[in-house]
Amino acid sequence: MEKIGVLGVEFNSLTTAQAVSAALSKDVAADNSAFIVTPNPEIVWLARSDPELKAAIAAAALVLPDGIGIIYGARILGTPLRGRVTGIGFAEECFEQLAAQGKSVFLLGAKPGVAETAGEKLAKRFRGLKIAGIHDGYFTDDDTVIGEINAANADFLLVCLGAPKQELWIYRNRAKLKVPLAACLGGALDVWAGTVKRAPRALQRLGLEWLYRLIKEPKRIGRMMSLPKFLFAVIGVRLRGKNG
């Protein structure tokens, strides 16, 4: 698979359909430690100063570009990606295929009660999809949660603990997890549960979900400052003629 480097992070250059096909392939699913990450510019920026986070991303079976800033960054560098692959869009296409096969998912993350609601709505929306297990994101004993996940015998694990916590959690615990495939999906459970609304489709198509979220949650302004830093760094790399 073709990979494109953006500030030291190697992204798989795939369409959403290609990403789903690759994720559910026998080659990936046969590895119990396989996991998928969907970094946005904020995570790429953090990885520049966090060696463990960078290692976690590098260890992923697939690194998908979730964030219009990544797409712009790759273009600026002269190595465009095939397109943006949102974590939610990717997961939902996976659900369609898993549902058709009667397979199951384990939902990990969000506040108590949110994952349960999300699971109920996903099971109704994707007929045939089984919810193998659920656990909220407020826990301190990793081994107990890992035990629940392994006992559920799920086909797909969704880790929604927020970045970079979720990437580091699965990286540190991947050897203990016995699940064919896992994916880090941030606030996806809140969206599926209906506690958080996605941006209108018009803004999604324009890559302006970040602006919608900022308007809804002004306190995110501090985190959003990583976006201009990311873009200036990308421009600097292009001017110097190297990626790093």
Protein backbone atom coordinates (compact mmCIF):
# COMPACT_ATOMS: atom_id res chain seq x y z
CA MET A 1 0.00 0.00 0.00
CA GLU A 2 1.20 3.46 -0.89
CA LYS A 3 2.19 5.64 2.05
CA ILE A 4 2.55 9.41 2.17
CA GLY A 5 4.62 11.12 4.85
CA VAL A 6 3.30 14.27 6.53
CA LEU A 7 5.58 15.74 9.20
CA GLY A 8 7.01 12.37 10.09
CA VAL A 9 3.74 10.42 10.14
CA GLU A 10 3.21 7.90 7.35
CA PHE A 11 -0.40 7.82 6.09
CA ASN A 12 -1.93 5.11 3.95
CA SER A 13 -3.14 6.69 0.72
CA LEU A 14 -6.56 5.04 0.35
CA THR A 15 -10.17 5.89 -0.36
CA THR A 16 -12.67 5.01 2.36
CA ALA A 17 -13.78 1.92 0.43
CA GLN A 18 -10.16 0.81 0.00
CA ALA A 19 -9.48 1.40 3.70
CA VAL A 20 -12.45 -0.76 4.70
CA SER A 21 -11.39 -3.51 2.32
CA ALA A 22 -7.84 -3.42 3.69
CA ALA A 23 -8.98 -3.35 7.32
CA LEU A 24 -11.26 -6.35 6.94
CA SER A 25 -8.82 -8.34 4.84
CA LYS A 26 -7.50 -11.63 6.13
CA ASP A 27 -3.96 -10.25 6.20
CA VAL A 28 -4.87 -7.58 8.77
CA ALA A 29 -7.59 -9.41 10.70
CA ALA A 30 -5.35 -12.44 11.26
CA ASP A 31 -3.11 -10.37 13.52
CA ASN A 32 -4.60 -10.02 17.02
CA SER A 33 -2.50 -6.91 17.64
CA ALA A 34 -3.77 -5.07 14.53
CA PHE A 35 -5.21 -1.63 15.14
CA ILE A 36 -6.14 1.40 13.09
CA VAL A 37 -5.58 5.08 13.85
CA THR A 38 -7.07 8.18 12.23
CA PRO A 39 -4.79 11.11 13.09
CA ASN A 40 -5.74 14.71 12.46
CA PRO A 41 -3.26 17.64 12.40
CA GLU A 42 -3.42 17.99 16.20
CA ILE A 43 -2.24 14.39 16.70
CA VAL A 44 0.48 14.71 14.07
CA TRP A 45 1.68 17.85 15.83
CA LEU A 46 1.70 16.10 19.23
CA ALA A 47 3.59 13.13 17.78
CA ARG A 48 6.47 15.42 16.81
CA SER A 49 7.29 15.89 20.50
CA ASP A 50 5.99 12.58 21.90
CA PRO A 51 8.13 9.59 20.87
CA GLU A 52 5.70 7.03 22.31
CA LEU A 53 2.74 8.51 20.43
CA LYS A 54 4.77 8.55 17.24
CA ALA A 55 5.71 4.90 17.84
CA ALA A 56 2.06 4.02 18.49
CA ILE A 57 0.99 5.54 15.19
CA ALA A 58 3.82 3.81 13.36
CA ALA A 59 2.76 0.46 14.84
CA ALA A 60 -0.77 0.74 13.46
CA ALA A 61 -1.87 -1.56 10.65
CA LEU A 62 -3.52 1.42 8.92
CA VAL A 63 -3.00 5.15 9.43
CA LEU A 64 -5.95 6.99 7.89
CA PRO A 65 -6.08 10.76 7.26
CA ASP A 66 -8.99 12.08 9.34
CA GLY A 67 -8.80 15.85 9.11
CA ILE A 68 -8.84 18.18 6.12
CA GLY A 69 -5.59 19.69 7.37
CA ILE A 70 -3.80 16.42 6.63
CA ILE A 71 -5.11 16.49 3.06
CA TYR A 72 -3.96 20.09 2.59
CA GLY A 73 -0.62 19.32 4.20
CA ALA A 74 0.04 16.43 1.83
CA ARG A 75 -0.86 18.63 -1.15
CA ILE A 76 1.46 21.39 0.01
CA LEU A 77 4.25 18.84 0.26
CA GLY A 78 3.59 17.79 -3.32
CA THR A 79 2.52 14.27 -2.35
CA PRO A 80 -1.29 14.33 -2.32
CA LEU A 81 -3.32 11.62 -0.61
CA ARG A 82 -6.24 9.93 -2.37
CA GLY A 83 -8.65 11.61 -0.02
CA ARG A 84 -9.84 12.13 3.51
CA VAL A 85 -11.04 9.07 5.43
CA THR A 86 -13.09 10.09 8.44
CA GLY A 87 -13.06 7.70 11.36
CA ILE A 88 -16.86 7.66 11.60
CA GLY A 89 -17.36 7.11 7.87
CA PHE A 90 -14.77 4.34 7.86
CA ALA A 91 -16.34 2.59 10.86
CA GLU A 92 -19.86 2.79 9.47
CA GLU A 93 -18.81 1.16 6.20
CA CYS A 94 -17.09 -1.54 8.25
CA PHE A 95 -20.33 -2.03 10.21
CA GLU A 96 -22.26 -2.62 6.98
CA GLN A 97 -19.96 -5.44 5.99
CA LEU A 98 -19.73 -6.91 9.48
CA ALA A 99 -23.53 -6.80 9.83
CA ALA A 100 -23.96 -8.72 6.58
CA GLN A 101 -21.78 -11.45 8.08
CA GLY A 102 -23.44 -11.42 11.49
CA LYS A 103 -20.23 -10.30 13.18
CA SER A 104 -19.78 -8.32 16.38
CA VAL A 105 -18.24 -5.19 17.87
CA PHE A 106 -17.12 -4.16 21.35
CA LEU A 107 -17.62 -0.50 22.26
CA LEU A 108 -15.13 1.05 24.67
CA GLY A 109 -15.24 4.67 25.76
CA ALA A 110 -17.32 7.78 26.49
CA LYS A 111 -19.25 8.59 29.66
CA PRO A 112 -21.32 5.92 31.44
CA GLY A 113 -24.48 5.18 29.47
CA VAL A 114 -23.30 6.69 26.19
CA ALA A 115 -21.84 3.50 24.73
CA GLU A 116 -25.03 1.60 25.66
CA THR A 117 -27.16 4.11 23.76
CA ALA A 118 -24.76 4.08 20.83
CA GLY A 119 -24.83 0.28 20.77
CA GLU A 120 -28.64 0.17 20.73
CA LYS A 121 -28.80 2.65 17.83
CA LEU A 122 -26.06 0.92 15.85
CA ALA A 123 -27.75 -2.47 16.24
CA LYS A 124 -31.01 -1.02 14.89
CA ARG A 125 -29.30 0.82 12.04
CA PHE A 126 -27.04 -2.05 10.96
CA ARG A 127 -29.28 -5.09 11.11
CA GLY A 128 -27.22 -8.18 11.83
CA LEU A 129 -24.46 -6.32 13.67
CA LYS A 130 -24.01 -7.77 17.14
CA ILE A 131 -22.90 -5.71 20.14
CA ALA A 132 -20.57 -8.15 21.91
CA GLY A 133 -19.80 -5.88 24.83
CA ILE A 134 -19.69 -2.35 26.20
CA HIS A 135 -17.57 -0.47 28.71
CA ASP A 136 -17.37 3.25 29.42
CA GLY A 137 -14.12 5.18 29.26
CA TYR A 138 -13.91 5.90 32.98
CA PHE A 139 -11.76 3.10 34.30
CA THR A 140 -8.40 2.72 36.02
CA ASP A 141 -7.86 -1.04 35.87
CA ASP A 142 -6.74 -1.89 32.33
CA ASP A 143 -6.49 -5.63 32.97
CA THR A 144 -10.13 -5.92 34.05
CA VAL A 145 -11.33 -4.13 30.93
CA ILE A 146 -9.03 -6.17 28.71
CA GLY A 147 -10.42 -9.30 30.32
CA GLU A 148 -13.97 -8.20 29.46
CA ILE A 149 -12.97 -7.44 25.88
CA ASN A 150 -11.26 -10.79 25.40
CA ALA A 151 -14.15 -12.69 26.99
CA ALA A 152 -16.61 -11.02 24.61
CA ASN A 153 -14.85 -12.58 21.62
CA ALA A 154 -15.72 -9.60 19.42
CA ASP A 155 -14.64 -9.25 15.80
CA PHE A 156 -14.02 -5.50 16.00
CA LEU A 157 -13.05 -3.31 18.97
CA LEU A 158 -13.72 0.42 18.95
CA VAL A 159 -11.53 2.38 21.35
CA CYS A 160 -13.05 5.83 21.91
CA LEU A 161 -11.04 7.36 24.74
CA GLY A 162 -10.02 10.55 22.99
CA ALA A 163 -6.65 11.26 21.43
CA PRO A 164 -3.86 10.68 22.25
CA LYS A 165 -5.05 8.55 25.20
CA GLN A 166 -6.71 5.97 22.97
CA GLU A 167 -3.69 5.50 20.70
CA LEU A 168 -1.35 5.09 23.68
CA TRP A 169 -3.77 2.75 25.47
CA ILE A 170 -4.06 0.32 22.61
CA TYR A 171 -0.36 0.52 21.83
CA ARG A 172 0.57 -0.35 25.41
CA ASN A 173 -2.01 -3.14 25.69
CA ARG A 174 -2.08 -4.58 22.18
CA ALA A 175 -0.18 -7.73 23.16
CA LYS A 176 -2.86 -8.58 25.76
CA LEU A 177 -5.86 -7.95 23.55
CA LYS A 178 -7.33 -10.93 21.72
CA VAL A 179 -9.43 -9.29 19.05
CA PRO A 180 -8.91 -9.46 15.26
CA LEU A 181 -9.14 -5.73 14.70
CA ALA A 182 -9.35 -2.50 16.70
CA ALA A 183 -9.74 1.14 15.76
CA CYS A 184 -9.23 4.43 17.63
CA LEU A 185 -12.27 6.62 16.98
CA GLY A 186 -12.29 9.52 19.43
CA GLY A 187 -15.79 10.89 20.02
CA ALA A 188 -17.61 8.54 17.64
CA LEU A 189 -19.72 6.96 20.40
CA ASP A 190 -21.13 10.36 21.37
CA VAL A 191 -22.13 10.96 17.76
CA TRP A 192 -23.81 7.56 17.38
CA ALA A 193 -25.55 7.96 20.73
CA GLY A 194 -26.87 11.36 19.65
CA THR A 195 -25.28 13.32 22.50
CA VAL A 196 -23.08 15.19 20.01
CA LYS A 197 -24.16 16.24 16.53
CA ARG A 198 -21.89 16.11 13.50
CA ALA A 199 -21.56 19.17 11.31
CA PRO A 200 -24.14 19.58 8.53
CA ARG A 201 -23.25 17.57 5.41
CA ALA A 202 -22.40 20.73 3.47
CA LEU A 203 -19.71 21.61 6.02
CA GLN A 204 -18.50 17.99 6.07
CA ARG A 205 -18.02 18.08 2.29
CA LEU A 206 -16.08 21.33 2.59
CA GLY A 207 -13.88 19.92 5.33
CA LEU A 208 -15.14 22.48 7.83
CA GLU A 209 -16.25 20.14 10.63
CA TRP A 210 -13.48 21.60 12.79
CA LEU A 211 -15.07 25.07 12.48
CA TYR A 212 -18.50 23.70 13.42
CA ARG A 213 -17.06 21.99 16.49
CA LEU A 214 -15.22 25.17 17.48
CA ILE A 215 -18.43 27.20 17.26
CA LYS A 216 -20.24 24.59 19.37
CA GLU A 217 -17.33 24.25 21.83
CA PRO A 218 -15.37 27.53 22.02
CA LYS A 219 -13.16 26.02 24.73
CA ARG A 220 -11.52 23.96 21.97
CA ILE A 221 -9.71 27.07 20.72
CA GLY A 222 -6.54 26.09 22.58
CA ARG A 223 -6.43 22.70 20.86
CA MET A 224 -7.25 24.26 17.50
CA MET A 225 -4.09 26.38 17.66
CA SER A 226 -2.14 23.31 16.64
CA LEU A 227 -3.71 23.55 13.16
CA PRO A 228 -1.96 26.77 12.05
CA LYS A 229 1.27 25.51 13.66
CA PHE A 230 0.91 22.31 11.68
CA LEU A 231 0.33 24.16 8.39
CA PHE A 232 3.23 26.57 8.94
CA ALA A 233 5.48 23.60 9.71
CA VAL A 234 4.35 21.86 6.51
CA ILE A 235 5.08 25.00 4.47
CA GLY A 236 8.51 25.21 6.11
CA VAL A 237 9.23 21.59 5.20
CA ARG A 238 8.21 22.21 1.59
CA LEU A 239 10.44 25.26 1.38
CA ARG A 240 13.38 23.28 2.79
CA GLY A 241 12.65 20.47 0.38
CA LYS A 242 12.37 17.64 2.88
CA ASN A 243 9.69 16.00 5.03
CA GLY A 244 10.27 15.94 8.79
